């Protein structure tokens, strides 16, 4: 009986931690803005664009 009580408490703590983790990750996923970086074949950045495709910066 005592083992079952400890097991339930452990399951409850794990479930609580998972819910908190999902809430935290959900907030992180919606916190940023989208920026696309255009590069050449070697990976050198050439330009940045916003989510609509408008060029916001160029690099020489």
N, C-alpha and C. Protein backbone atom coordinates (compact mmCIF):
# COMPACT_ATOMS: atom_id res chain seq x y z
N UNK A 1 0.83 -1.20 0.00
CA UNK A 1 0.00 0.00 0.00
C UNK A 1 0.87 1.25 0.00
N UNK A 2 1.93 1.24 0.80
CA UNK A 2 2.82 2.40 0.90
C UNK A 2 3.53 2.66 -0.42
N UNK A 3 3.89 1.60 -1.15
CA UNK A 3 4.56 1.74 -2.44
C UNK A 3 3.62 2.37 -3.46
N UNK A 4 2.34 2.01 -3.43
CA UNK A 4 1.37 2.58 -4.36
C UNK A 4 1.22 4.08 -4.14
N UNK A 5 1.22 4.52 -2.92
CA UNK A 5 1.08 5.95 -2.61
C UNK A 5 2.28 6.71 -3.15
N UNK A 6 3.49 6.18 -2.93
CA UNK A 6 4.69 6.83 -3.44
C UNK A 6 4.68 6.84 -4.97
N UNK A 7 4.22 5.76 -5.58
CA UNK A 7 4.15 5.69 -7.03
C UNK A 7 3.19 6.72 -7.60
N UNK A 8 2.05 6.89 -6.97
CA UNK A 8 1.08 7.90 -7.42
C UNK A 8 1.65 9.30 -7.28
N UNK A 9 2.34 9.55 -6.19
CA UNK A 9 2.94 10.87 -5.98
C UNK A 9 3.99 11.15 -7.05
N UNK A 10 4.76 10.14 -7.39
CA UNK A 10 5.78 10.30 -8.43
C UNK A 10 5.13 10.57 -9.77
N UNK A 11 4.09 9.83 -10.11
CA UNK A 11 3.39 10.04 -11.37
C UNK A 11 2.76 11.43 -11.43
N UNK A 12 2.22 11.86 -10.32
CA UNK A 12 1.61 13.18 -10.27
C UNK A 12 2.67 14.27 -10.45
N UNK A 13 3.83 14.11 -9.83
CA UNK A 13 4.91 15.09 -9.96
C UNK A 13 5.44 15.13 -11.40
N UNK A 14 5.57 13.97 -12.03
CA UNK A 14 6.03 13.93 -13.42
C UNK A 14 5.00 14.57 -14.34
N UNK A 15 3.73 14.29 -14.14
CA UNK A 15 2.69 14.90 -14.96
C UNK A 15 2.67 16.41 -14.79
N UNK A 16 2.84 16.89 -13.58
CA UNK A 16 2.88 18.32 -13.31
C UNK A 16 4.07 18.97 -14.01
N UNK A 17 5.23 18.32 -13.94
CA UNK A 17 6.43 18.85 -14.59
C UNK A 17 6.25 18.89 -16.11
N UNK A 18 5.63 17.88 -16.69
CA UNK A 18 5.39 17.86 -18.13
C UNK A 18 4.44 18.96 -18.56
N UNK A 19 3.41 19.22 -17.78
CA UNK A 19 2.48 20.31 -18.10
C UNK A 19 3.20 21.64 -18.06
N UNK A 20 4.02 21.87 -17.04
CA UNK A 20 4.78 23.12 -16.96
C UNK A 20 5.74 23.26 -18.14
N UNK A 21 6.39 22.17 -18.52
CA UNK A 21 7.31 22.20 -19.66
C UNK A 21 6.57 22.54 -20.95
N UNK A 22 5.41 21.96 -21.17
CA UNK A 22 4.63 22.25 -22.38
C UNK A 22 4.18 23.70 -22.41
N UNK A 23 3.76 24.23 -21.27
CA UNK A 23 3.35 25.63 -21.22
C UNK A 23 4.52 26.55 -21.50
N UNK A 24 5.69 26.23 -20.96
CA UNK A 24 6.88 27.05 -21.19
C UNK A 24 7.29 27.00 -22.65
N UNK A 25 7.31 25.81 -23.24
CA UNK A 25 7.70 25.67 -24.65
C UNK A 25 6.69 26.34 -25.57
N UNK A 26 5.43 26.31 -25.24
CA UNK A 26 4.42 26.99 -26.04
C UNK A 26 4.63 28.49 -26.05
N UNK A 27 5.01 29.05 -24.92
CA UNK A 27 5.29 30.49 -24.85
C UNK A 27 6.53 30.86 -25.63
N UNK A 28 7.53 30.01 -25.59
CA UNK A 28 8.77 30.28 -26.32
C UNK A 28 8.52 30.22 -27.82
N UNK A 29 7.70 29.32 -28.28
CA UNK A 29 7.46 29.15 -29.71
C UNK A 29 6.76 30.36 -30.32
N UNK A 30 6.01 31.11 -29.56
CA UNK A 30 5.27 32.25 -30.09
C UNK A 30 5.94 33.59 -29.80
N UNK A 31 7.13 33.57 -29.25
CA UNK A 31 7.73 34.81 -28.76
C UNK A 31 8.55 35.56 -29.81
N UNK A 32 8.92 34.94 -30.93
CA UNK A 32 9.86 35.57 -31.84
C UNK A 32 9.25 36.07 -33.14
N UNK A 33 10.11 36.70 -33.94
CA UNK A 33 9.73 37.13 -35.28
C UNK A 33 10.48 36.25 -36.28
N UNK A 34 9.92 36.16 -37.48
CA UNK A 34 10.52 35.34 -38.52
C UNK A 34 11.50 36.17 -39.33
N UNK A 35 12.71 35.66 -39.49
CA UNK A 35 13.73 36.31 -40.32
C UNK A 35 14.39 35.23 -41.18
N UNK A 36 14.40 35.45 -42.49
CA UNK A 36 15.06 34.53 -43.40
C UNK A 36 16.41 35.11 -43.78
N UNK A 37 17.43 34.25 -43.82
CA UNK A 37 18.77 34.68 -44.21
C UNK A 37 19.10 33.99 -45.53
N UNK A 38 19.37 34.78 -46.55
CA UNK A 38 19.77 34.24 -47.85
C UNK A 38 21.28 34.15 -47.89
N UNK A 39 21.79 32.98 -48.30
CA UNK A 39 23.23 32.75 -48.32
C UNK A 39 23.66 32.27 -49.70
N UNK A 40 24.98 32.35 -49.95
CA UNK A 40 25.52 31.78 -51.18
C UNK A 40 25.83 30.30 -50.93
N UNK A 41 26.44 29.65 -51.90
CA UNK A 41 26.70 28.21 -51.80
C UNK A 41 27.66 27.86 -50.67
N UNK A 42 28.49 28.80 -50.26
CA UNK A 42 29.45 28.55 -49.18
C UNK A 42 28.89 28.88 -47.80
N UNK A 43 27.67 29.43 -47.75
CA UNK A 43 27.05 29.75 -46.47
C UNK A 43 27.26 31.18 -46.02
N UNK A 44 27.85 32.01 -46.86
CA UNK A 44 28.06 33.41 -46.52
C UNK A 44 26.74 34.16 -46.62
N UNK A 45 26.32 34.87 -45.57
CA UNK A 45 25.04 35.59 -45.63
C UNK A 45 25.09 36.72 -46.65
N UNK A 46 24.04 36.82 -47.48
CA UNK A 46 23.94 37.87 -48.49
C UNK A 46 22.87 38.89 -48.15
N UNK A 47 21.74 38.41 -47.61
CA UNK A 47 20.63 39.32 -47.30
C UNK A 47 19.73 38.69 -46.24
N UNK A 48 18.96 39.55 -45.57
CA UNK A 48 17.92 39.11 -44.63
C UNK A 48 16.58 39.60 -45.14
N UNK A 49 15.54 38.79 -44.89
CA UNK A 49 14.19 39.17 -45.29
C UNK A 49 13.23 38.88 -44.14
N UNK A 50 12.12 39.62 -44.10
CA UNK A 50 11.10 39.37 -43.08
C UNK A 50 10.15 38.27 -43.56
N UNK A 51 9.11 38.00 -42.79
CA UNK A 51 8.18 36.92 -43.11
C UNK A 51 7.44 37.15 -44.42
N UNK A 52 7.31 38.41 -44.85
CA UNK A 52 6.62 38.72 -46.11
C UNK A 52 7.54 38.65 -47.31
N UNK A 53 8.83 38.44 -47.09
CA UNK A 53 9.78 38.38 -48.18
C UNK A 53 10.45 39.70 -48.50
N UNK A 54 10.17 40.74 -47.72
CA UNK A 54 10.79 42.04 -47.93
C UNK A 54 12.23 42.01 -47.42
N UNK A 55 13.18 42.46 -48.24
CA UNK A 55 14.58 42.51 -47.85
C UNK A 55 14.74 43.58 -46.77
N UNK A 56 15.28 43.18 -45.63
CA UNK A 56 15.47 44.12 -44.51
C UNK A 56 16.93 44.51 -44.32
N UNK A 57 17.86 43.71 -44.84
CA UNK A 57 19.29 44.02 -44.72
C UNK A 57 20.05 43.29 -45.81
N UNK A 58 21.13 43.88 -46.26
CA UNK A 58 22.04 43.23 -47.21
C UNK A 58 23.45 43.27 -46.64
N UNK A 59 24.25 42.30 -47.04
CA UNK A 59 25.62 42.19 -46.55
C UNK A 59 26.56 42.16 -47.74
N UNK A 60 27.67 42.87 -47.65
CA UNK A 60 28.65 42.91 -48.75
C UNK A 60 29.63 41.78 -48.64
